[in-house]
């Protein structure tokens, strides 16, 4: 099991925009925002995060799943995921809700 503490934060749920259409191409995710008509791309790890959030919006569970797949320090991965999630939210591709 990865070294990530589920009790560290309130459960954050990241909902992906229903206006985003995605397609995986050579291990990367290409996303079209139907509202803005802009394209975005995610690398392999970002693509896996997107797929994890598609199946379960709980961000902590997604981080744990990624830690189980990659050899990386928990804090580094958390920071990278936080940065990507902030970019997705800023681009209108996702929204966040907190669950106590």
PDB file of N, CA and C in Angstrom:
ATOM      1  N   UNK A   1       0.855  -1.189   0.000  1.00  0.00           N
ATOM      2  CA  UNK A   1       0.000   0.000   0.000  1.00  0.00           C
ATOM      3  C   UNK A   1       0.890   1.237   0.000  1.00  0.00           C
ATOM      4  N   UNK A   2       0.506   2.220  -0.712  1.00  0.00           N
ATOM      5  CA  UNK A   2       1.262   3.461  -0.848  1.00  0.00           C
ATOM      6  C   UNK A   2       1.290   4.225   0.468  1.00  0.00           C
ATOM      7  N   UNK A   3       2.295   5.085   0.630  1.00  0.00           N
ATOM      8  CA  UNK A   3       2.432   5.861   1.865  1.00  0.00           C
ATOM      9  C   UNK A   3       1.678   7.182   1.772  1.00  0.00           C
ATOM     10  N   UNK A   4       0.371   7.112   1.719  1.00  0.00           N
ATOM     11  CA  UNK A   4      -0.463   8.300   1.619  1.00  0.00           C
ATOM     12  C   UNK A   4      -1.550   8.179   2.662  1.00  0.00           C
ATOM     13  N   UNK A   5      -1.712   9.206   3.480  1.00  0.00           N
ATOM     14  CA  UNK A   5      -2.650   9.199   4.590  1.00  0.00           C
ATOM     15  C   UNK A   5      -3.997   9.756   4.147  1.00  0.00           C
ATOM     16  N   UNK A   6      -5.016   8.892   4.106  1.00  0.00           N
ATOM     17  CA  UNK A   6      -6.349   9.331   3.716  1.00  0.00           C
ATOM     18  C   UNK A   6      -6.920  10.345   4.700  1.00  0.00           C
ATOM     19  N   UNK A   7      -6.462  10.337   5.924  1.00  0.00           N
ATOM     20  CA  UNK A   7      -6.992  11.246   6.919  1.00  0.00           C
ATOM     21  C   UNK A   7      -6.374  12.632   6.876  1.00  0.00           C
ATOM     22  N   UNK A   8      -5.453  12.874   5.951  1.00  0.00           N
ATOM     23  CA  UNK A   8      -4.745  14.151   5.896  1.00  0.00           C
ATOM     24  C   UNK A   8      -5.675  15.317   5.577  1.00  0.00           C
ATOM     25  N   UNK A   9      -6.665  15.113   4.765  1.00  0.00           N
ATOM     26  CA  UNK A   9      -7.525  16.206   4.333  1.00  0.00           C
ATOM     27  C   UNK A   9      -8.970  15.753   4.275  1.00  0.00           C
ATOM     28  N   UNK A  10      -9.851  16.730   4.208  1.00  0.00           N
ATOM     29  CA  UNK A  10     -11.243  16.428   3.923  1.00  0.00           C
ATOM     30  C   UNK A  10     -11.291  15.776   2.549  1.00  0.00           C
ATOM     31  N   UNK A  11     -12.216  14.845   2.369  1.00  0.00           N
ATOM     32  CA  UNK A  11     -12.316  14.160   1.073  1.00  0.00           C
ATOM     33  C   UNK A  11     -12.647  15.171  -0.020  1.00  0.00           C
ATOM     34  N   UNK A  12     -11.779  15.254  -0.991  1.00  0.00           N
ATOM     35  CA  UNK A  12     -11.991  16.146  -2.134  1.00  0.00           C
ATOM     36  C   UNK A  12     -12.463  15.309  -3.305  1.00  0.00           C
ATOM     37  N   UNK A  13     -13.511  15.767  -3.925  1.00  0.00           N
ATOM     38  CA  UNK A  13     -14.041  15.070  -5.085  1.00  0.00           C
ATOM     39  C   UNK A  13     -13.908  15.983  -6.300  1.00  0.00           C
ATOM     40  N   UNK A  14     -13.346  15.428  -7.359  1.00  0.00           N
ATOM     41  CA  UNK A  14     -13.113  16.169  -8.589  1.00  0.00           C
ATOM     42  C   UNK A  14     -14.042  15.606  -9.656  1.00  0.00           C
ATOM     43  N   UNK A  15     -14.972  16.436 -10.070  1.00  0.00           N
ATOM     44  CA  UNK A  15     -15.927  16.044 -11.107  1.00  0.00           C
ATOM     45  C   UNK A  15     -15.428  16.557 -12.454  1.00  0.00           C
ATOM     46  N   UNK A  16     -15.297  15.668 -13.399  1.00  0.00           N
ATOM     47  CA  UNK A  16     -14.858  16.056 -14.739  1.00  0.00           C
ATOM     48  C   UNK A  16     -16.034  16.647 -15.504  1.00  0.00           C
ATOM     49  N   UNK A  17     -15.742  17.625 -16.322  1.00  0.00           N
ATOM     50  CA  UNK A  17     -16.788  18.319 -17.067  1.00  0.00           C
ATOM     51  C   UNK A  17     -17.474  17.384 -18.069  1.00  0.00           C
ATOM     52  N   UNK A  18     -18.808  17.391 -18.076  1.00  0.00           N
ATOM     53  CA  UNK A  18     -19.513  16.597 -19.083  1.00  0.00           C
ATOM     54  C   UNK A  18     -19.353  17.192 -20.485  1.00  0.00           C
ATOM     55  N   UNK A  19     -18.814  18.405 -20.572  1.00  0.00           N
ATOM     56  CA  UNK A  19     -18.597  19.056 -21.866  1.00  0.00           C
ATOM     57  C   UNK A  19     -17.219  18.760 -22.439  1.00  0.00           C
ATOM     58  N   UNK A  20     -16.497  17.861 -21.761  1.00  0.00           N
ATOM     59  CA  UNK A  20     -15.162  17.477 -22.222  1.00  0.00           C
ATOM     60  C   UNK A  20     -15.242  16.105 -22.885  1.00  0.00           C
ATOM     61  N   UNK A  21     -14.754  16.030 -24.097  1.00  0.00           N
ATOM     62  CA  UNK A  21     -14.688  14.772 -24.836  1.00  0.00           C
ATOM     63  C   UNK A  21     -13.222  14.372 -24.884  1.00  0.00           C
ATOM     64  N   UNK A  22     -12.937  13.122 -24.521  1.00  0.00           N
ATOM     65  CA  UNK A  22     -11.540  12.710 -24.485  1.00  0.00           C
ATOM     66  C   UNK A  22     -11.311  11.454 -25.309  1.00  0.00           C
ATOM     67  N   UNK A  23     -10.070  11.333 -25.757  1.00  0.00           N
ATOM     68  CA  UNK A  23      -9.638  10.170 -26.531  1.00  0.00           C
ATOM     69  C   UNK A  23      -8.187   9.904 -26.188  1.00  0.00           C
ATOM     70  N   UNK A  24      -7.865   8.653 -25.927  1.00  0.00           N
ATOM     71  CA  UNK A  24      -6.490   8.293 -25.651  1.00  0.00           C
ATOM     72  C   UNK A  24      -5.771   8.010 -26.961  1.00  0.00           C
ATOM     73  N   UNK A  25      -4.597   8.608 -27.107  1.00  0.00           N
ATOM     74  CA  UNK A  25      -3.791   8.445 -28.310  1.00  0.00           C
ATOM     75  C   UNK A  25      -2.342   8.209 -27.881  1.00  0.00           C
ATOM     76  N   UNK A  26      -1.822   7.017 -28.170  1.00  0.00           N
ATOM     77  CA  UNK A  26      -0.435   6.675 -27.829  1.00  0.00           C
ATOM     78  C   UNK A  26      -0.098   6.949 -26.371  1.00  0.00           C
ATOM     79  N   UNK A  27      -0.976   6.575 -25.456  1.00  0.00           N
ATOM     80  CA  UNK A  27      -0.714   6.732 -24.033  1.00  0.00           C
ATOM     81  C   UNK A  27      -0.985   8.114 -23.483  1.00  0.00           C
ATOM     82  N   UNK A  28      -1.386   9.033 -24.344  1.00  0.00           N
ATOM     83  CA  UNK A  28      -1.709  10.388 -23.893  1.00  0.00           C
ATOM     84  C   UNK A  28      -3.188  10.642 -24.125  1.00  0.00           C
ATOM     85  N   UNK A  29      -3.741  11.529 -23.316  1.00  0.00           N
ATOM     86  CA  UNK A  29      -5.153  11.871 -23.419  1.00  0.00           C
ATOM     87  C   UNK A  29      -5.288  13.195 -24.160  1.00  0.00           C
ATOM     88  N   UNK A  30      -6.115  13.208 -25.184  1.00  0.00           N
ATOM     89  CA  UNK A  30      -6.448  14.434 -25.897  1.00  0.00           C
ATOM     90  C   UNK A  30      -7.882  14.775 -25.498  1.00  0.00           C
ATOM     91  N   UNK A  31      -8.082  15.997 -25.024  1.00  0.00           N
ATOM     92  CA  UNK A  31      -9.379  16.415 -24.512  1.00  0.00           C
ATOM     93  C   UNK A  31      -9.853  17.617 -25.314  1.00  0.00           C
ATOM     94  N   UNK A  32     -11.099  17.555 -25.749  1.00  0.00           N
ATOM     95  CA  UNK A  32     -11.729  18.678 -26.427  1.00  0.00           C
ATOM     96  C   UNK A  32     -12.796  19.227 -25.491  1.00  0.00           C
ATOM     97  N   UNK A  33     -12.668  20.497 -25.153  1.00  0.00           N
ATOM     98  CA  UNK A  33     -13.687  21.178 -24.367  1.00  0.00           C
ATOM     99  C   UNK A  33     -14.720  21.694 -25.355  1.00  0.00           C
ATOM    100  N   UNK A  34     -15.894  21.084 -25.352  1.00  0.00           N
ATOM    101  CA  UNK A  34     -16.932  21.437 -26.318  1.00  0.00           C
ATOM    102  C   UNK A  34     -17.436  22.869 -26.130  1.00  0.00           C
ATOM    103  N   UNK A  35     -17.304  23.393 -24.925  1.00  0.00           N
ATOM    104  CA  UNK A  35     -17.767  24.754 -24.672  1.00  0.00           C
ATOM    105  C   UNK A  35     -16.815  25.792 -25.253  1.00  0.00           C
ATOM    106  N   UNK A  36     -15.528  25.647 -24.993  1.00  0.00           N
ATOM    107  CA  UNK A  36     -14.548  26.630 -25.471  1.00  0.00           C
ATOM    108  C   UNK A  36     -13.956  26.240 -26.824  1.00  0.00           C
ATOM    109  N   UNK A  37     -14.173  24.987 -27.237  1.00  0.00           N
ATOM    110  CA  UNK A  37     -13.615  24.435 -28.463  1.00  0.00           C
ATOM    111  C   UNK A  37     -12.088  24.411 -28.447  1.00  0.00           C
ATOM    112  N   UNK A  38     -11.503  24.314 -27.260  1.00  0.00           N
ATOM    113  CA  UNK A  38     -10.054  24.218 -27.112  1.00  0.00           C
ATOM    114  C   UNK A  38      -9.659  22.770 -26.860  1.00  0.00           C
ATOM    115  N   UNK A  39      -8.464  22.417 -27.366  1.00  0.00           N
ATOM    116  CA  UNK A  39      -7.900  21.091 -27.142  1.00  0.00           C
ATOM    117  C   UNK A  39      -6.884  21.159 -26.019  1.00  0.00           C
ATOM    118  N   UNK A  40      -6.817  20.088 -25.252  1.00  0.00           N
ATOM    119  CA  UNK A  40      -5.834  19.940 -24.184  1.00  0.00           C
ATOM    120  C   UNK A  40      -5.240  18.546 -24.316  1.00  0.00           C
ATOM    121  N   UNK A  41      -4.050  18.356 -23.767  1.00  0.00           N
ATOM    122  CA  UNK A  41      -3.475  17.016 -23.761  1.00  0.00           C
ATOM    123  C   UNK A  41      -2.875  16.730 -22.394  1.00  0.00           C
ATOM    124  N   UNK A  42      -2.921  15.464 -22.013  1.00  0.00           N
ATOM    125  CA  UNK A  42      -2.353  15.001 -20.756  1.00  0.00           C
ATOM    126  C   UNK A  42      -1.344  13.906 -21.053  1.00  0.00           C
ATOM    127  N   UNK A  43      -0.250  13.897 -20.312  1.00  0.00           N
ATOM    128  CA  UNK A  43       0.747  12.841 -20.479  1.00  0.00           C
ATOM    129  C   UNK A  43       0.213  11.539 -19.884  1.00  0.00           C
ATOM    130  N   UNK A  44       1.030  10.518 -19.834  1.00  0.00           N
ATOM    131  CA  UNK A  44       0.602   9.202 -19.361  1.00  0.00           C
ATOM    132  C   UNK A  44       0.031   9.247 -17.949  1.00  0.00           C
ATOM    133  N   UNK A  45       0.722   9.916 -17.034  1.00  0.00           N
ATOM    134  CA  UNK A  45       0.252   9.973 -15.650  1.00  0.00           C
ATOM    135  C   UNK A  45      -1.019  10.814 -15.550  1.00  0.00           C
ATOM    136  N   UNK A  46      -1.066  11.926 -16.252  1.00  0.00           N
ATOM    137  CA  UNK A  46      -2.267  12.750 -16.271  1.00  0.00           C
ATOM    138  C   UNK A  46      -3.452  11.995 -16.854  1.00  0.00           C
ATOM    139  N   UNK A  47      -3.186  11.185 -17.877  1.00  0.00           N
ATOM    140  CA  UNK A  47      -4.233  10.368 -18.486  1.00  0.00           C
ATOM    141  C   UNK A  47      -4.777   9.346 -17.494  1.00  0.00           C
ATOM    142  N   UNK A  48      -3.874   8.731 -16.741  1.00  0.00           N
ATOM    143  CA  UNK A  48      -4.320   7.760 -15.734  1.00  0.00           C
ATOM    144  C   UNK A  48      -5.140   8.447 -14.655  1.00  0.00           C
ATOM    145  N   UNK A  49      -4.715   9.649 -14.249  1.00  0.00           N
ATOM    146  CA  UNK A  49      -5.488  10.398 -13.257  1.00  0.00           C
ATOM    147  C   UNK A  49      -6.885  10.680 -13.802  1.00  0.00           C
ATOM    148  N   UNK A  50      -6.978  11.118 -15.044  1.00  0.00           N
ATOM    149  CA  UNK A  50      -8.276  11.413 -15.665  1.00  0.00           C
ATOM    150  C   UNK A  50      -9.169  10.171 -15.624  1.00  0.00           C
ATOM    151  N   UNK A  51      -8.625   9.011 -16.030  1.00  0.00           N
ATOM    152  CA  UNK A  51      -9.396   7.763 -16.048  1.00  0.00           C
ATOM    153  C   UNK A  51      -9.840   7.378 -14.628  1.00  0.00           C
ATOM    154  N   UNK A  52      -8.952   7.561 -13.653  1.00  0.00           N
ATOM    155  CA  UNK A  52      -9.319   7.253 -12.271  1.00  0.00           C
ATOM    156  C   UNK A  52     -10.459   8.149 -11.791  1.00  0.00           C
ATOM    157  N   UNK A  53     -10.389   9.434 -12.131  1.00  0.00           N
ATOM    158  CA  UNK A  53     -11.437  10.362 -11.705  1.00  0.00           C
ATOM    159  C   UNK A  53     -12.743  10.120 -12.451  1.00  0.00           C
ATOM    160  N   UNK A  54     -12.658   9.558 -13.646  1.00  0.00           N
ATOM    161  CA  UNK A  54     -13.875   9.187 -14.371  1.00  0.00           C
ATOM    162  C   UNK A  54     -14.649   8.103 -13.620  1.00  0.00           C
ATOM    163  N   UNK A  55     -13.901   7.174 -13.007  1.00  0.00           N
ATOM    164  CA  UNK A  55     -14.562   6.051 -12.339  1.00  0.00           C
ATOM    165  C   UNK A  55     -14.901   6.349 -10.881  1.00  0.00           C
ATOM    166  N   UNK A  56     -14.142   7.224 -10.228  1.00  0.00           N
ATOM    167  CA  UNK A  56     -14.404   7.607  -8.837  1.00  0.00           C
ATOM    168  C   UNK A  56     -13.814   8.985  -8.622  1.00  0.00           C
ATOM    169  N   UNK A  57     -14.632   9.935  -8.234  1.00  0.00           N
ATOM    170  CA  UNK A  57     -14.189  11.325  -8.131  1.00  0.00           C
ATOM    171  C   UNK A  57     -13.342  11.626  -6.898  1.00  0.00           C
ATOM    172  N   UNK A  58     -13.131  10.649  -6.011  1.00  0.00           N
ATOM    173  CA  UNK A  58     -12.367  10.867  -4.786  1.00  0.00           C
ATOM    174  C   UNK A  58     -10.877  11.041  -5.122  1.00  0.00           C
ATOM    175  N   UNK A  59     -10.364  12.237  -4.889  1.00  0.00           N
ATOM    176  CA  UNK A  59      -8.980  12.552  -5.262  1.00  0.00           C
ATOM    177  C   UNK A  59      -7.970  11.739  -4.467  1.00  0.00           C
ATOM    178  N   UNK A  60      -8.206  11.524  -3.185  1.00  0.00           N
ATOM    179  CA  UNK A  60      -7.274  10.741  -2.366  1.00  0.00           C
ATOM    180  C   UNK A  60      -7.133   9.318  -2.889  1.00  0.00           C
ATOM    181  N   UNK A  61      -8.244   8.711  -3.281  1.00  0.00           N
ATOM    182  CA  UNK A  61      -8.180   7.349  -3.819  1.00  0.00           C
ATOM    183  C   UNK A  61      -7.423   7.316  -5.146  1.00  0.00           C
ATOM    184  N   UNK A  62      -7.572   8.354  -5.946  1.00  0.00           N
ATOM    185  CA  UNK A  62      -6.833   8.431  -7.208  1.00  0.00           C
ATOM    186  C   UNK A  62      -5.332   8.548  -6.944  1.00  0.00           C
ATOM    187  N   UNK A  63      -4.962   9.352  -5.957  1.00  0.00           N
ATOM    188  CA  UNK A  63      -3.543   9.509  -5.620  1.00  0.00           C
ATOM    189  C   UNK A  63      -2.962   8.183  -5.143  1.00  0.00           C
ATOM    190  N   UNK A  64      -3.703   7.470  -4.303  1.00  0.00           N
ATOM    191  CA  UNK A  64      -3.233   6.168  -3.813  1.00  0.00           C
ATOM    192  C   UNK A  64      -3.053   5.199  -4.978  1.00  0.00           C
ATOM    193  N   UNK A  65      -3.992   5.176  -5.909  1.00  0.00           N
ATOM    194  CA  UNK A  65      -3.881   4.284  -7.065  1.00  0.00           C
ATOM    195  C   UNK A  65      -2.647   4.626  -7.898  1.00  0.00           C
ATOM    196  N   UNK A  66      -2.369   5.914  -8.069  1.00  0.00           N
ATOM    197  CA  UNK A  66      -1.180   6.326  -8.829  1.00  0.00           C
ATOM    198  C   UNK A  66       0.097   5.942  -8.082  1.00  0.00           C
ATOM    199  N   UNK A  67       0.102   6.097  -6.762  1.00  0.00           N
ATOM    200  CA  UNK A  67       1.281   5.727  -5.977  1.00  0.00           C
ATOM    201  C   UNK A  67       1.571   4.231  -6.084  1.00  0.00           C
ATOM    202  N   UNK A  68       0.522   3.441  -6.222  1.00  0.00           N
ATOM    203  CA  UNK A  68       0.706   1.999  -6.372  1.00  0.00           C
ATOM    204  C   UNK A  68       1.281   1.639  -7.738  1.00  0.00           C
ATOM    205  N   UNK A  69       1.141   2.527  -8.722  1.00  0.00           N
ATOM    206  CA  UNK A  69       1.605   2.249 -10.080  1.00  0.00           C
ATOM    207  C   UNK A  69       2.981   2.824 -10.391  1.00  0.00           C
ATOM    208  N   UNK A  70       3.379   3.864  -9.667  1.00  0.00           N
ATOM    209  CA  UNK A  70       4.631   4.565  -9.981  1.00  0.00           C
ATOM    210  C   UNK A  70       5.528   4.633  -8.750  1.00  0.00           C
ATOM    211  N   UNK A  71       6.830   4.576  -8.993  1.00  0.00           N
ATOM    212  CA  UNK A  71       7.793   4.725  -7.921  1.00  0.00           C
ATOM    213  C   UNK A  71       8.119   6.202  -7.768  1.00  0.00           C
ATOM    214  N   UNK A  72       7.411   6.853  -6.841  1.00  0.00           N
ATOM    215  CA  UNK A  72       7.583   8.273  -6.611  1.00  0.00           C
ATOM    216  C   UNK A  72       7.213   8.538  -5.157  1.00  0.00           C
ATOM    217  N   UNK A  73       7.822   9.557  -4.580  1.00  0.00           N
ATOM    218  CA  UNK A  73       7.483   9.945  -3.215  1.00  0.00           C
ATOM    219  C   UNK A  73       6.047  10.435  -3.165  1.00  0.00           C
ATOM    220  N   UNK A  74       5.329  10.064  -2.113  1.00  0.00           N
ATOM    221  CA  UNK A  74       3.938  10.438  -1.966  1.00  0.00           C
ATOM    222  C   UNK A  74       3.702  11.933  -2.033  1.00  0.00           C
ATOM    223  N   UNK A  75       4.549  12.698  -1.363  1.00  0.00           N
ATOM    224  CA  UNK A  75       4.367  14.149  -1.330  1.00  0.00           C
ATOM    225  C   UNK A  75       4.599  14.766  -2.707  1.00  0.00           C
ATOM    226  N   UNK A  76       5.589  14.252  -3.435  1.00  0.00           N
ATOM    227  CA  UNK A  76       5.858  14.771  -4.782  1.00  0.00           C
ATOM    228  C   UNK A  76       4.683  14.502  -5.711  1.00  0.00           C
ATOM    229  N   UNK A  77       4.156  13.278  -5.656  1.00  0.00           N
ATOM    230  CA  UNK A  77       3.017  12.950  -6.504  1.00  0.00           C
ATOM    231  C   UNK A  77       1.808  13.804  -6.122  1.00  0.00           C
ATOM    232  N   UNK A  78       1.559  13.967  -4.819  1.00  0.00           N
ATOM    233  CA  UNK A  78       0.436  14.781  -4.378  1.00  0.00           C
ATOM    234  C   UNK A  78       0.545  16.198  -4.921  1.00  0.00           C
ATOM    235  N   UNK A  79       1.745  16.791  -4.859  1.00  0.00           N
ATOM    236  CA  UNK A  79       1.947  18.148  -5.374  1.00  0.00           C
ATOM    237  C   UNK A  79       1.695  18.212  -6.882  1.00  0.00           C
ATOM    238  N   UNK A  80       2.200  17.222  -7.601  1.00  0.00           N
ATOM    239  CA  UNK A  80       2.005  17.187  -9.054  1.00  0.00           C
ATOM    240  C   UNK A  80       0.519  17.037  -9.403  1.00  0.00           C
ATOM    241  N   UNK A  81      -0.180  16.169  -8.681  1.00  0.00           N
ATOM    242  CA  UNK A  81      -1.613  15.971  -8.920  1.00  0.00           C
ATOM    243  C   UNK A  81      -2.378  17.241  -8.577  1.00  0.00           C
ATOM    244  N   UNK A  82      -2.023  17.882  -7.465  1.00  0.00           N
ATOM    245  CA  UNK A  82      -2.688  19.134  -7.066  1.00  0.00           C
ATOM    246  C   UNK A  82      -2.527  20.191  -8.156  1.00  0.00           C
ATOM    247  N   UNK A  83      -1.336  20.280  -8.722  1.00  0.00           N
ATOM    248  CA  UNK A  83      -1.065  21.247  -9.780  1.00  0.00           C
ATOM    249  C   UNK A  83      -1.910  20.950 -11.017  1.00  0.00           C
ATOM    250  N   UNK A  84      -1.973  19.679 -11.409  1.00  0.00           N
ATOM    251  CA  UNK A  84      -2.761  19.292 -12.571  1.00  0.00           C
ATOM    252  C   UNK A  84      -4.247  19.540 -12.327  1.00  0.00           C
ATOM    253  N   UNK A  85      -4.740  19.183 -11.153  1.00  0.00           N
ATOM    254  CA  UNK A  85      -6.156  19.399 -10.837  1.00  0.00           C
ATOM    255  C   UNK A  85      -6.481  20.887 -10.889  1.00  0.00           C
ATOM    256  N   UNK A  86      -5.597  21.723 -10.360  1.00  0.00           N
ATOM    257  CA  UNK A  86      -5.819  23.174 -10.406  1.00  0.00           C
ATOM    258  C   UNK A  86      -5.900  23.657 -11.857  1.00  0.00           C
ATOM    259  N   UNK A  87      -5.046  23.113 -12.727  1.00  0.00           N
ATOM    260  CA  UNK A  87      -5.071  23.489 -14.143  1.00  0.00           C
ATOM    261  C   UNK A  87      -6.365  23.021 -14.816  1.00  0.00           C
ATOM    262  N   UNK A  88      -6.815  21.813 -14.484  1.00  0.00           N
ATOM    263  CA  UNK A  88      -8.064  21.300 -15.052  1.00  0.00           C
ATOM    264  C   UNK A  88      -9.250  22.168 -14.630  1.00  0.00           C
ATOM    265  N   UNK A  89      -9.260  22.550 -13.357  1.00  0.00           N
ATOM    266  CA  UNK A  89     -10.340  23.405 -12.851  1.00  0.00           C
ATOM    267  C   UNK A  89     -10.287  24.773 -13.522  1.00  0.00           C
ATOM    268  N   UNK A  90      -9.098  25.341 -13.619  1.00  0.00           N
ATOM    269  CA  UNK A  90      -8.921  26.649 -14.242  1.00  0.00           C
ATOM    270  C   UNK A  90      -9.378  26.645 -15.712  1.00  0.00           C
ATOM    271  N   UNK A  91      -9.145  25.523 -16.397  1.00  0.00           N
ATOM    272  CA  UNK A  91      -9.523  25.408 -17.807  1.00  0.00           C
ATOM    273  C   UNK A  91     -11.002  25.056 -17.977  1.00  0.00           C
ATOM    274  N   UNK A  92     -11.713  24.827 -16.877  1.00  0.00           N
ATOM    275  CA  UNK A  92     -13.125  24.478 -16.967  1.00  0.00           C
ATOM    276  C   UNK A  92     -13.377  23.016 -17.283  1.00  0.00           C
ATOM    277  N   UNK A  93     -12.341  22.189 -17.169  1.00  0.00           N
ATOM    278  CA  UNK A  93     -12.469  20.767 -17.470  1.00  0.00           C
ATOM    279  C   UNK A  93     -12.885  19.946 -16.252  1.00  0.00           C
ATOM    280  N   UNK A  94     -12.886  20.586 -15.066  1.00  0.00           N
ATOM    281  CA  UNK A  94     -13.235  19.879 -13.831  1.00  0.00           C
ATOM    282  C   UNK A  94     -13.745  20.894 -12.825  1.00  0.00           C
ATOM    283  N   UNK A  95     -14.416  20.362 -11.809  1.00  0.00           N
ATOM    284  CA  UNK A  95     -14.855  21.174 -10.675  1.00  0.00           C
ATOM    285  C   UNK A  95     -14.610  20.366  -9.414  1.00  0.00           C
ATOM    286  N   UNK A  96     -14.593  21.043  -8.281  1.00  0.00           N
ATOM    287  CA  UNK A  96     -14.251  20.400  -7.023  1.00  0.00           C
ATOM    288  C   UNK A  96     -15.359  20.576  -5.998  1.00  0.00           C
ATOM    289  N   UNK A  97     -15.546  19.515  -5.208  1.00  0.00           N
ATOM    290  CA  UNK A  97     -16.437  19.600  -4.056  1.00  0.00           C
ATOM    291  C   UNK A  97     -15.746  18.923  -2.877  1.00  0.00           C
ATOM    292  N   UNK A  98     -16.040  19.390  -1.677  1.00  0.00           N
ATOM    293  CA  UNK A  98     -15.459  18.818  -0.461  1.00  0.00           C
ATOM    294  C   UNK A  98     -16.537  18.035   0.276  1.00  0.00           C
ATOM    295  N   UNK A  99     -16.143  16.872   0.776  1.00  0.00           N
ATOM    296  CA  UNK A  99     -17.057  16.027   1.545  1.00  0.00           C
ATOM    297  C   UNK A  99     -16.404  15.738   2.883  1.00  0.00           C
ATOM    298  N   UNK A 100     -17.098  16.063   3.966  1.00  0.00           N
ATOM    299  CA  UNK A 100     -16.536  15.845   5.318  1.00  0.00           C
ATOM    300  C   UNK A 100     -16.575  14.385   5.680  1.00  0.00           C
TER     301      UNK A 100
END
